[in-house]
Amino acid sequence: MSVEDTVRDLEEWIARQVRDAGAGGVVIGLSGGLDSSVVAALSKAALGDRVLGVIMPCGSACADEEDAELAAIAFGIPTLRVDLQPVLEAMLEALPRGGKDQVTNLKPRLRMAALYFIASVRGYIVAGTSNRSEMSVGYFTKYGDSGADIYPIGNIFKSDLYPLAEHLGVPRSIIEKPPSAGLWEGQTDEGEIGMTYIELDGILKALGAGEEPAAPAGKTSLVRRLISASEHKRRPVPIFEPAETSPADDTENRRGEAG
């Protein structure tokens, strides 16, 4: 499928999802990265003025906020700035002491809460910005950046987003910056995952096709482990279902009650 056809299908899908939800539009967390910029551009083309970008600094680098504004200006999307740093600090004061992982995961969960509050006020839905690469290996925070009503690019690998970004007119500085969730100074997605997105996507595509990846065995093993360890993030939350009572068991129960 051509880039033009993919973009058209995505725009039509977004419009249909909003319409079917009976919503007025979408809110998007603008991080200044490639993923949120692509979702913003697609949403703008699909919905016109019914898009709101929310910029939520939470110990973020100033450059990320500047890039988020740059994307919003490029696509003519109004923005709302919500400074979550004081909220994070208040939460950490109230909670038991945690380590780096707990603090890191708290940030996207605060952003999710802010997005849903704003969406509810406006009668909008939340458009998530996770891509297929991240979702496949669990590189997201459960009930954090994974908390959304729709995932426009959730079935698109990270390396396949770059042609879409070029076509949509995402600013060059955003396309070329190293992918990062901006969770701490110098943090990069590829550094945390342990390989480049091109390597990751090549392995994921091969595994999805039932083929042996043309990659070092160690990296293929790592991807397999990441997929397995994060399976709980992708599954629906388990709900207890009582065992069915057979007619014979029910008769015994009634006899017991009568006696």
C-alpha atoms as a PDB file:
ATOM      1  CA  MET A   1       0.000   0.000   0.000  1.00  0.00           C
ATOM      2  CA  SER A   2       1.325   3.450  -0.867  1.00  0.00           C
ATOM      3  CA  VAL A   3       1.988   6.138   1.719  1.00  0.00           C
ATOM      4  CA  GLU A   4      -0.856   8.185   0.257  1.00  0.00           C
ATOM      5  CA  ASP A   5      -3.311   5.300   0.601  1.00  0.00           C
ATOM      6  CA  THR A   6      -2.189   4.561   4.159  1.00  0.00           C
ATOM      7  CA  VAL A   7      -2.607   8.193   5.193  1.00  0.00           C
ATOM      8  CA  ARG A   8      -6.050   8.363   3.602  1.00  0.00           C
ATOM      9  CA  ASP A   9      -7.174   5.171   5.336  1.00  0.00           C
ATOM     10  CA  LEU A  10      -5.871   6.399   8.686  1.00  0.00           C
ATOM     11  CA  GLU A  11      -7.648   9.736   8.359  1.00  0.00           C
ATOM     12  CA  GLU A  12     -10.920   8.047   7.443  1.00  0.00           C
ATOM     13  CA  TRP A  13     -10.505   5.630  10.348  1.00  0.00           C
ATOM     14  CA  ILE A  14      -9.945   8.432  12.854  1.00  0.00           C
ATOM     15  CA  ALA A  15     -13.008  10.324  11.629  1.00  0.00           C
ATOM     16  CA  ARG A  16     -15.106   7.166  11.818  1.00  0.00           C
ATOM     17  CA  GLN A  17     -13.943   6.300  15.337  1.00  0.00           C
ATOM     18  CA  VAL A  18     -14.814   9.771  16.602  1.00  0.00           C
ATOM     19  CA  ARG A  19     -18.188   9.681  14.891  1.00  0.00           C
ATOM     20  CA  ASP A  20     -19.017   6.209  16.201  1.00  0.00           C
ATOM     21  CA  ALA A  21     -18.069   7.286  19.724  1.00  0.00           C
ATOM     22  CA  GLY A  22     -20.437  10.242  19.494  1.00  0.00           C
ATOM     23  CA  ALA A  23     -17.510  12.496  20.407  1.00  0.00           C
ATOM     24  CA  GLY A  24     -16.735  16.031  19.334  1.00  0.00           C
ATOM     25  CA  GLY A  25     -13.056  15.454  18.543  1.00  0.00           C
ATOM     26  CA  VAL A  26      -9.793  14.208  20.012  1.00  0.00           C
ATOM     27  CA  VAL A  27      -7.201  15.302  22.530  1.00  0.00           C
ATOM     28  CA  ILE A  28      -3.585  14.289  21.967  1.00  0.00           C
ATOM     29  CA  GLY A  29      -0.656  14.444  24.324  1.00  0.00           C
ATOM     30  CA  LEU A  30       1.989  16.316  22.331  1.00  0.00           C
ATOM     31  CA  SER A  31       5.462  15.230  23.433  1.00  0.00           C
ATOM     32  CA  GLY A  32       7.469  16.815  20.649  1.00  0.00           C
ATOM     33  CA  GLY A  33       8.294  13.382  19.270  1.00  0.00           C
ATOM     34  CA  LEU A  34       7.596  11.693  15.945  1.00  0.00           C
ATOM     35  CA  ASP A  35       4.667   9.541  17.077  1.00  0.00           C
ATOM     36  CA  SER A  36       2.540  12.269  18.612  1.00  0.00           C
ATOM     37  CA  SER A  37       3.329  14.592  15.711  1.00  0.00           C
ATOM     38  CA  VAL A  38       2.125  12.017  13.171  1.00  0.00           C
ATOM     39  CA  VAL A  39      -1.068  11.383  15.157  1.00  0.00           C
ATOM     40  CA  ALA A  40      -1.636  15.132  15.435  1.00  0.00           C
ATOM     41  CA  ALA A  41      -1.203  15.635  11.683  1.00  0.00           C
ATOM     42  CA  LEU A  42      -3.542  12.755  10.851  1.00  0.00           C
ATOM     43  CA  SER A  43      -6.150  13.963  13.328  1.00  0.00           C
ATOM     44  CA  LYS A  44      -6.032  17.505  11.995  1.00  0.00           C
ATOM     45  CA  ALA A  45      -6.566  16.263   8.442  1.00  0.00           C
ATOM     46  CA  ALA A  46      -9.397  13.999   9.582  1.00  0.00           C
ATOM     47  CA  LEU A  47     -11.207  16.333  11.977  1.00  0.00           C
ATOM     48  CA  GLY A  48     -10.234  19.890  11.138  1.00  0.00           C
ATOM     49  CA  ASP A  49     -10.558  22.157  14.147  1.00  0.00           C
ATOM     50  CA  ARG A  50     -11.803  19.405  16.442  1.00  0.00           C
ATOM     51  CA  VAL A  51      -8.329  18.569  17.721  1.00  0.00           C
ATOM     52  CA  LEU A  52      -6.585  19.756  20.880  1.00  0.00           C
ATOM     53  CA  GLY A  53      -2.922  19.166  21.623  1.00  0.00           C
ATOM     54  CA  VAL A  54      -2.015  18.989  25.297  1.00  0.00           C
ATOM     55  CA  ILE A  55       1.565  19.726  26.325  1.00  0.00           C
ATOM     56  CA  MET A  56       2.344  18.273  29.754  1.00  0.00           C
ATOM     57  CA  PRO A  57       5.852  19.018  31.011  1.00  0.00           C
ATOM     58  CA  CYS A  58       6.802  16.787  33.915  1.00  0.00           C
ATOM     59  CA  GLY A  59      10.516  17.136  34.382  1.00  0.00           C
ATOM     60  CA  SER A  60      10.768  17.256  30.598  1.00  0.00           C
ATOM     61  CA  ALA A  61      13.543  18.868  28.582  1.00  0.00           C
ATOM     62  CA  CYS A  62      12.746  22.357  27.304  1.00  0.00           C
ATOM     63  CA  ALA A  63      13.560  21.200  23.769  1.00  0.00           C
ATOM     64  CA  ASP A  64      10.729  18.656  23.917  1.00  0.00           C
ATOM     65  CA  GLU A  65       8.199  21.326  24.797  1.00  0.00           C
ATOM     66  CA  GLU A  66       9.527  23.546  22.016  1.00  0.00           C
ATOM     67  CA  ASP A  67       9.174  20.696  19.507  1.00  0.00           C
ATOM     68  CA  ALA A  68       5.628  20.028  20.699  1.00  0.00           C
ATOM     69  CA  GLU A  69       4.772  23.681  20.035  1.00  0.00           C
ATOM     70  CA  LEU A  70       6.515  23.446  16.661  1.00  0.00           C
ATOM     71  CA  ALA A  71       4.330  20.499  15.656  1.00  0.00           C
ATOM     72  CA  ALA A  72       1.178  22.263  16.820  1.00  0.00           C
ATOM     73  CA  ILE A  73       2.060  25.373  14.797  1.00  0.00           C
ATOM     74  CA  ALA A  74       2.936  23.289  11.726  1.00  0.00           C
ATOM     75  CA  PHE A  75      -0.515  21.679  11.689  1.00  0.00           C
ATOM     76  CA  GLY A  76      -2.550  24.581  13.051  1.00  0.00           C
ATOM     77  CA  ILE A  77      -3.583  22.755  16.221  1.00  0.00           C
ATOM     78  CA  PRO A  78      -4.524  24.715  19.357  1.00  0.00           C
ATOM     79  CA  THR A  79      -2.691  23.660  22.493  1.00  0.00           C
ATOM     80  CA  LEU A  80      -3.230  23.597  26.220  1.00  0.00           C
ATOM     81  CA  ARG A  81      -0.220  23.533  28.552  1.00  0.00           C
ATOM     82  CA  VAL A  82      -0.590  21.604  31.805  1.00  0.00           C
ATOM     83  CA  ASP A  83       2.467  21.698  34.065  1.00  0.00           C
ATOM     84  CA  LEU A  84       2.483  18.364  35.895  1.00  0.00           C
ATOM     85  CA  GLN A  85       5.777  18.834  37.730  1.00  0.00           C
ATOM     86  CA  PRO A  86       4.099  20.259  40.887  1.00  0.00           C
ATOM     87  CA  VAL A  87       1.569  17.409  40.753  1.00  0.00           C
ATOM     88  CA  LEU A  88       4.367  14.849  40.489  1.00  0.00           C
ATOM     89  CA  GLU A  89       6.174  16.376  43.448  1.00  0.00           C
ATOM     90  CA  ALA A  90       2.996  16.412  45.551  1.00  0.00           C
ATOM     91  CA  MET A  91       2.294  12.779  44.664  1.00  0.00           C
ATOM     92  CA  LEU A  92       5.816  11.728  45.615  1.00  0.00           C
ATOM     93  CA  GLU A  93       5.429  13.512  48.944  1.00  0.00           C
ATOM     94  CA  ALA A  94       2.214  11.633  49.659  1.00  0.00           C
ATOM     95  CA  LEU A  95       3.359   8.191  48.451  1.00  0.00           C
ATOM     96  CA  PRO A  96       5.819   5.733  50.009  1.00  0.00           C
ATOM     97  CA  ARG A  97       9.382   6.132  48.800  1.00  0.00           C
ATOM     98  CA  GLY A  98       9.919   4.499  45.410  1.00  0.00           C
ATOM     99  CA  GLY A  99      12.760   3.946  43.021  1.00  0.00           C
ATOM    100  CA  LYS A 100      13.506   5.210  39.527  1.00  0.00           C
ATOM    101  CA  ASP A 101      11.117   2.768  37.841  1.00  0.00           C
ATOM    102  CA  GLN A 102       8.177   3.791  40.008  1.00  0.00           C
ATOM    103  CA  VAL A 103       8.769   7.510  39.463  1.00  0.00           C
ATOM    104  CA  THR A 104       9.273   6.973  35.726  1.00  0.00           C
ATOM    105  CA  ASN A 105       5.948   5.142  35.404  1.00  0.00           C
ATOM    106  CA  LEU A 106       4.099   7.724  37.492  1.00  0.00           C
ATOM    107  CA  LYS A 107       4.731  10.457  34.915  1.00  0.00           C
ATOM    108  CA  PRO A 108       2.790   8.894  32.004  1.00  0.00           C
ATOM    109  CA  ARG A 109       0.006   7.918  34.402  1.00  0.00           C
ATOM    110  CA  LEU A 110      -0.368  11.532  35.478  1.00  0.00           C
ATOM    111  CA  ARG A 111      -0.465  12.560  31.826  1.00  0.00           C
ATOM    112  CA  MET A 112      -3.148   9.967  31.109  1.00  0.00           C
ATOM    113  CA  ALA A 113      -5.284  11.317  33.956  1.00  0.00           C
ATOM    114  CA  ALA A 114      -4.904  14.871  32.662  1.00  0.00           C
ATOM    115  CA  LEU A 115      -5.821  13.872  29.095  1.00  0.00           C
ATOM    116  CA  TYR A 116      -8.980  12.077  30.202  1.00  0.00           C
ATOM    117  CA  PHE A 117     -10.031  14.994  32.390  1.00  0.00           C
ATOM    118  CA  ILE A 118      -9.651  17.415  29.485  1.00  0.00           C
ATOM    119  CA  ALA A 119     -11.342  15.030  27.049  1.00  0.00           C
ATOM    120  CA  SER A 120     -14.301  14.654  29.387  1.00  0.00           C
ATOM    121  CA  VAL A 121     -14.673  18.416  29.757  1.00  0.00           C
ATOM    122  CA  ARG A 122     -14.727  18.869  25.979  1.00  0.00           C
ATOM    123  CA  GLY A 123     -16.698  15.790  25.013  1.00  0.00           C
ATOM    124  CA  TYR A 124     -13.670  14.456  23.121  1.00  0.00           C
ATOM    125  CA  ILE A 125     -11.873  11.111  23.146  1.00  0.00           C
ATOM    126  CA  VAL A 126      -8.175  10.469  23.771  1.00  0.00           C
ATOM    127  CA  ALA A 127      -6.022   9.558  20.759  1.00  0.00           C
ATOM    128  CA  GLY A 128      -3.070   7.441  21.852  1.00  0.00           C
ATOM    129  CA  THR A 129       0.337   7.742  20.225  1.00  0.00           C
ATOM    130  CA  SER A 130       1.840   4.284  20.817  1.00  0.00           C
ATOM    131  CA  ASN A 131       3.162   2.466  17.741  1.00  0.00           C
ATOM    132  CA  ARG A 132       3.248  -1.249  16.971  1.00  0.00           C
ATOM    133  CA  SER A 133       6.932  -1.660  17.798  1.00  0.00           C
ATOM    134  CA  GLU A 134       6.487  -0.326  21.330  1.00  0.00           C
ATOM    135  CA  MET A 135       3.253  -2.188  21.939  1.00  0.00           C
ATOM    136  CA  SER A 136       4.753  -5.479  20.734  1.00  0.00           C
ATOM    137  CA  VAL A 137       7.584  -5.477  23.284  1.00  0.00           C
ATOM    138  CA  GLY A 138       5.746  -3.712  26.096  1.00  0.00           C
ATOM    139  CA  TYR A 139       7.660  -0.462  25.849  1.00  0.00           C
ATOM    140  CA  PHE A 140       4.852   1.529  27.404  1.00  0.00           C
ATOM    141  CA  THR A 141       3.392   2.144  30.839  1.00  0.00           C
ATOM    142  CA  LYS A 142       0.272   0.202  31.666  1.00  0.00           C
ATOM    143  CA  TYR A 143      -2.542   2.705  32.314  1.00  0.00           C
ATOM    144  CA  GLY A 144      -0.127   5.456  31.328  1.00  0.00           C
ATOM    145  CA  ASP A 145       0.759   6.190  27.719  1.00  0.00           C
ATOM    146  CA  SER A 146      -1.229   3.044  26.864  1.00  0.00           C
ATOM    147  CA  GLY A 147      -4.369   4.665  28.286  1.00  0.00           C
ATOM    148  CA  ALA A 148      -6.319   5.899  25.264  1.00  0.00           C
ATOM    149  CA  ASP A 149      -9.589   5.456  23.401  1.00  0.00           C
ATOM    150  CA  ILE A 150      -8.076   4.946  19.947  1.00  0.00           C
ATOM    151  CA  TYR A 151      -4.598   4.047  18.652  1.00  0.00           C
ATOM    152  CA  PRO A 152      -4.253   5.462  15.137  1.00  0.00           C
ATOM    153  CA  ILE A 153      -0.685   4.201  14.667  1.00  0.00           C
ATOM    154  CA  GLY A 154      -0.904   1.169  16.949  1.00  0.00           C
ATOM    155  CA  ASN A 155      -0.554  -1.181  13.979  1.00  0.00           C
ATOM    156  CA  ILE A 156       2.333   0.667  12.324  1.00  0.00           C
ATOM    157  CA  PHE A 157       5.966  -0.163  13.080  1.00  0.00           C
ATOM    158  CA  LYS A 158       8.158   2.725  14.202  1.00  0.00           C
ATOM    159  CA  SER A 159      10.479   2.529  11.198  1.00  0.00           C
ATOM    160  CA  ASP A 160       7.456   2.677   8.881  1.00  0.00           C
ATOM    161  CA  LEU A 161       6.277   5.947  10.427  1.00  0.00           C
ATOM    162  CA  TYR A 162       9.067   8.020   8.889  1.00  0.00           C
ATOM    163  CA  PRO A 163       7.666   7.995   5.328  1.00  0.00           C
ATOM    164  CA  LEU A 164       4.277   8.974   6.764  1.00  0.00           C
ATOM    165  CA  ALA A 165       5.878  11.812   8.711  1.00  0.00           C
ATOM    166  CA  GLU A 166       7.620  13.068   5.574  1.00  0.00           C
ATOM    167  CA  HIS A 167       4.365  12.953   3.609  1.00  0.00           C
ATOM    168  CA  LEU A 168       2.413  14.738   6.356  1.00  0.00           C
ATOM    169  CA  GLY A 169       4.951  17.532   6.696  1.00  0.00           C
ATOM    170  CA  VAL A 170       6.201  16.818  10.206  1.00  0.00           C
ATOM    171  CA  PRO A 171       8.996  19.340  10.931  1.00  0.00           C
ATOM    172  CA  ARG A 172      12.430  18.061   9.963  1.00  0.00           C
ATOM    173  CA  SER A 173      13.888  18.623  13.432  1.00  0.00           C
ATOM    174  CA  ILE A 174      11.282  16.266  14.914  1.00  0.00           C
ATOM    175  CA  ILE A 175      11.849  13.588  12.278  1.00  0.00           C
ATOM    176  CA  GLU A 176      15.591  13.622  12.829  1.00  0.00           C
ATOM    177  CA  LYS A 177      15.714  13.776  16.642  1.00  0.00           C
ATOM    178  CA  PRO A 178      16.544  10.543  18.517  1.00  0.00           C
ATOM    179  CA  PRO A 179      13.313   8.865  19.697  1.00  0.00           C
ATOM    180  CA  SER A 180      12.838   9.526  23.404  1.00  0.00           C
ATOM    181  CA  ALA A 181      10.032   9.507  25.933  1.00  0.00           C
ATOM    182  CA  GLY A 182      11.788  12.384  27.706  1.00  0.00           C
ATOM    183  CA  LEU A 183      11.635  10.592  31.033  1.00  0.00           C
ATOM    184  CA  TRP A 184      15.060  11.809  32.151  1.00  0.00           C
ATOM    185  CA  GLU A 185      18.006  13.728  30.772  1.00  0.00           C
ATOM    186  CA  GLY A 186      19.668  11.828  27.937  1.00  0.00           C
ATOM    187  CA  GLN A 187      17.075   9.037  27.868  1.00  0.00           C
ATOM    188  CA  THR A 188      16.480   7.417  24.468  1.00  0.00           C
ATOM    189  CA  ASP A 189      14.011   4.718  23.469  1.00  0.00           C
ATOM    190  CA  GLU A 190      16.586   2.689  21.562  1.00  0.00           C
ATOM    191  CA  GLY A 191      18.994   2.827  24.482  1.00  0.00           C
ATOM    192  CA  GLU A 192      16.363   1.393  26.796  1.00  0.00           C
ATOM    193  CA  ILE A 193      15.143  -1.254  24.352  1.00  0.00           C
ATOM    194  CA  GLY A 194      18.696  -2.341  23.607  1.00  0.00           C
ATOM    195  CA  MET A 195      18.699  -1.999  19.824  1.00  0.00           C
ATOM    196  CA  THR A 196      17.667   0.369  17.058  1.00  0.00           C
ATOM    197  CA  TYR A 197      14.078   0.481  15.867  1.00  0.00           C
ATOM    198  CA  ILE A 198      15.189  -0.791  12.461  1.00  0.00           C
ATOM    199  CA  GLU A 199      16.693  -3.864  14.146  1.00  0.00           C
ATOM    200  CA  LEU A 200      13.654  -4.317  16.380  1.00  0.00           C
ATOM    201  CA  ASP A 201      11.175  -3.975  13.541  1.00  0.00           C
ATOM    202  CA  GLY A 202      13.105  -6.402  11.356  1.00  0.00           C
ATOM    203  CA  ILE A 203      12.923  -9.018  14.112  1.00  0.00           C
ATOM    204  CA  LEU A 204       9.254  -8.348  14.849  1.00  0.00           C
ATOM    205  CA  LYS A 205       8.270  -8.569  11.197  1.00  0.00           C
ATOM    206  CA  ALA A 206      10.134 -11.840  10.740  1.00  0.00           C
ATOM    207  CA  LEU A 207       8.622 -13.372  13.858  1.00  0.00           C
ATOM    208  CA  GLY A 208       5.173 -12.222  12.767  1.00  0.00           C
ATOM    209  CA  ALA A 209       5.668 -13.972   9.430  1.00  0.00           C
ATOM    210  CA  GLY A 210       6.814 -17.170  11.138  1.00  0.00           C
ATOM    211  CA  GLU A 211      10.355 -16.732   9.841  1.00  0.00           C
ATOM    212  CA  GLU A 212      13.724 -16.780  11.551  1.00  0.00           C
ATOM    213  CA  PRO A 213      14.990 -13.171  11.900  1.00  0.00           C
ATOM    214  CA  ALA A 214      18.172 -12.209  10.070  1.00  0.00           C
ATOM    215  CA  ALA A 215      19.600 -10.720  13.244  1.00  0.00           C
ATOM    216  CA  PRO A 216      22.117 -11.710  15.919  1.00  0.00           C
ATOM    217  CA  ALA A 217      20.754 -14.520  18.076  1.00  0.00           C
ATOM    218  CA  GLY A 218      21.177 -12.440  21.211  1.00  0.00           C
ATOM    219  CA  LYS A 219      18.944  -9.641  19.927  1.00  0.00           C
ATOM    220  CA  THR A 220      16.303 -12.065  18.686  1.00  0.00           C
ATOM    221  CA  SER A 221      16.286 -13.742  22.103  1.00  0.00           C
ATOM    222  CA  LEU A 222      15.934 -10.349  23.773  1.00  0.00           C
ATOM    223  CA  VAL A 223      12.910  -9.484  21.645  1.00  0.00           C
ATOM    224  CA  ARG A 224      11.311 -12.834  22.408  1.00  0.00           C
ATOM    225  CA  ARG A 225      11.832 -12.228  26.133  1.00  0.00           C
ATOM    226  CA  LEU A 226      10.386  -8.723  25.923  1.00  0.00           C
ATOM    227  CA  ILE A 227       7.307  -9.987  24.095  1.00  0.00           C
ATOM    228  CA  SER A 228       6.759 -12.749  26.642  1.00  0.00           C
ATOM    229  CA  ALA A 229       7.388 -10.581  29.712  1.00  0.00           C
ATOM    230  CA  SER A 230       4.983  -7.879  28.523  1.00  0.00           C
ATOM    231  CA  GLU A 231       2.129 -10.160  27.462  1.00  0.00           C
ATOM    232  CA  HIS A 232       0.127  -9.142  30.536  1.00  0.00           C
ATOM    233  CA  LYS A 233       0.152  -5.536  29.321  1.00  0.00           C
ATOM    234  CA  ARG A 234      -1.623  -6.437  26.096  1.00  0.00           C
ATOM    235  CA  ARG A 235      -4.166  -8.900  27.488  1.00  0.00           C
ATOM    236  CA  PRO A 236      -7.560  -7.732  28.774  1.00  0.00           C
ATOM    237  CA  VAL A 237      -7.679  -7.565  32.561  1.00  0.00           C
ATOM    238  CA  PRO A 238      -8.676 -11.019  33.894  1.00  0.00           C
ATOM    239  CA  ILE A 239     -12.174 -11.143  35.380  1.00  0.00           C
ATOM    240  CA  PHE A 240     -13.208 -13.937  37.721  1.00  0.00           C
ATOM    241  CA  GLU A 241     -15.961 -16.130  36.364  1.00  0.00           C
ATOM    242  CA  PRO A 242     -17.588 -18.624  38.750  1.00  0.00           C
ATOM    243  CA  ALA A 243     -17.703 -22.215  37.596  1.00  0.00           C
ATOM    244  CA  GLU A 244     -21.005 -23.239  36.063  1.00  0.00           C
ATOM    245  CA  THR A 245     -23.259 -25.136  38.447  1.00  0.00           C
ATOM    246  CA  SER A 246     -24.631 -28.358  37.010  1.00  0.00           C
ATOM    247  CA  PRO A 247     -28.316 -29.247  37.575  1.00  0.00           C
ATOM    248  CA  ALA A 248     -27.255 -32.125  39.862  1.00  0.00           C
ATOM    249  CA  ASP A 249     -25.113 -29.802  41.977  1.00  0.00           C
ATOM    250  CA  ASP A 250     -27.976 -27.338  42.192  1.00  0.00           C
ATOM    251  CA  THR A 251     -30.325 -30.094  43.423  1.00  0.00           C
ATOM    252  CA  GLU A 252     -27.854 -31.055  46.133  1.00  0.00           C
ATOM    253  CA  ASN A 253     -27.580 -27.435  47.192  1.00  0.00           C
ATOM    254  CA  ARG A 254     -31.357 -27.115  47.526  1.00  0.00           C
ATOM    255  CA  ARG A 255     -31.519 -30.353  49.533  1.00  0.00           C
ATOM    256  CA  GLY A 256     -28.885 -29.038  51.855  1.00  0.00           C
ATOM    257  CA  GLU A 257     -30.818 -25.831  52.378  1.00  0.00           C
ATOM    258  CA  ALA A 258     -34.055 -27.759  53.037  1.00  0.00           C
ATOM    259  CA  GLY A 259     -32.418 -30.029  55.577  1.00  0.00           C
END
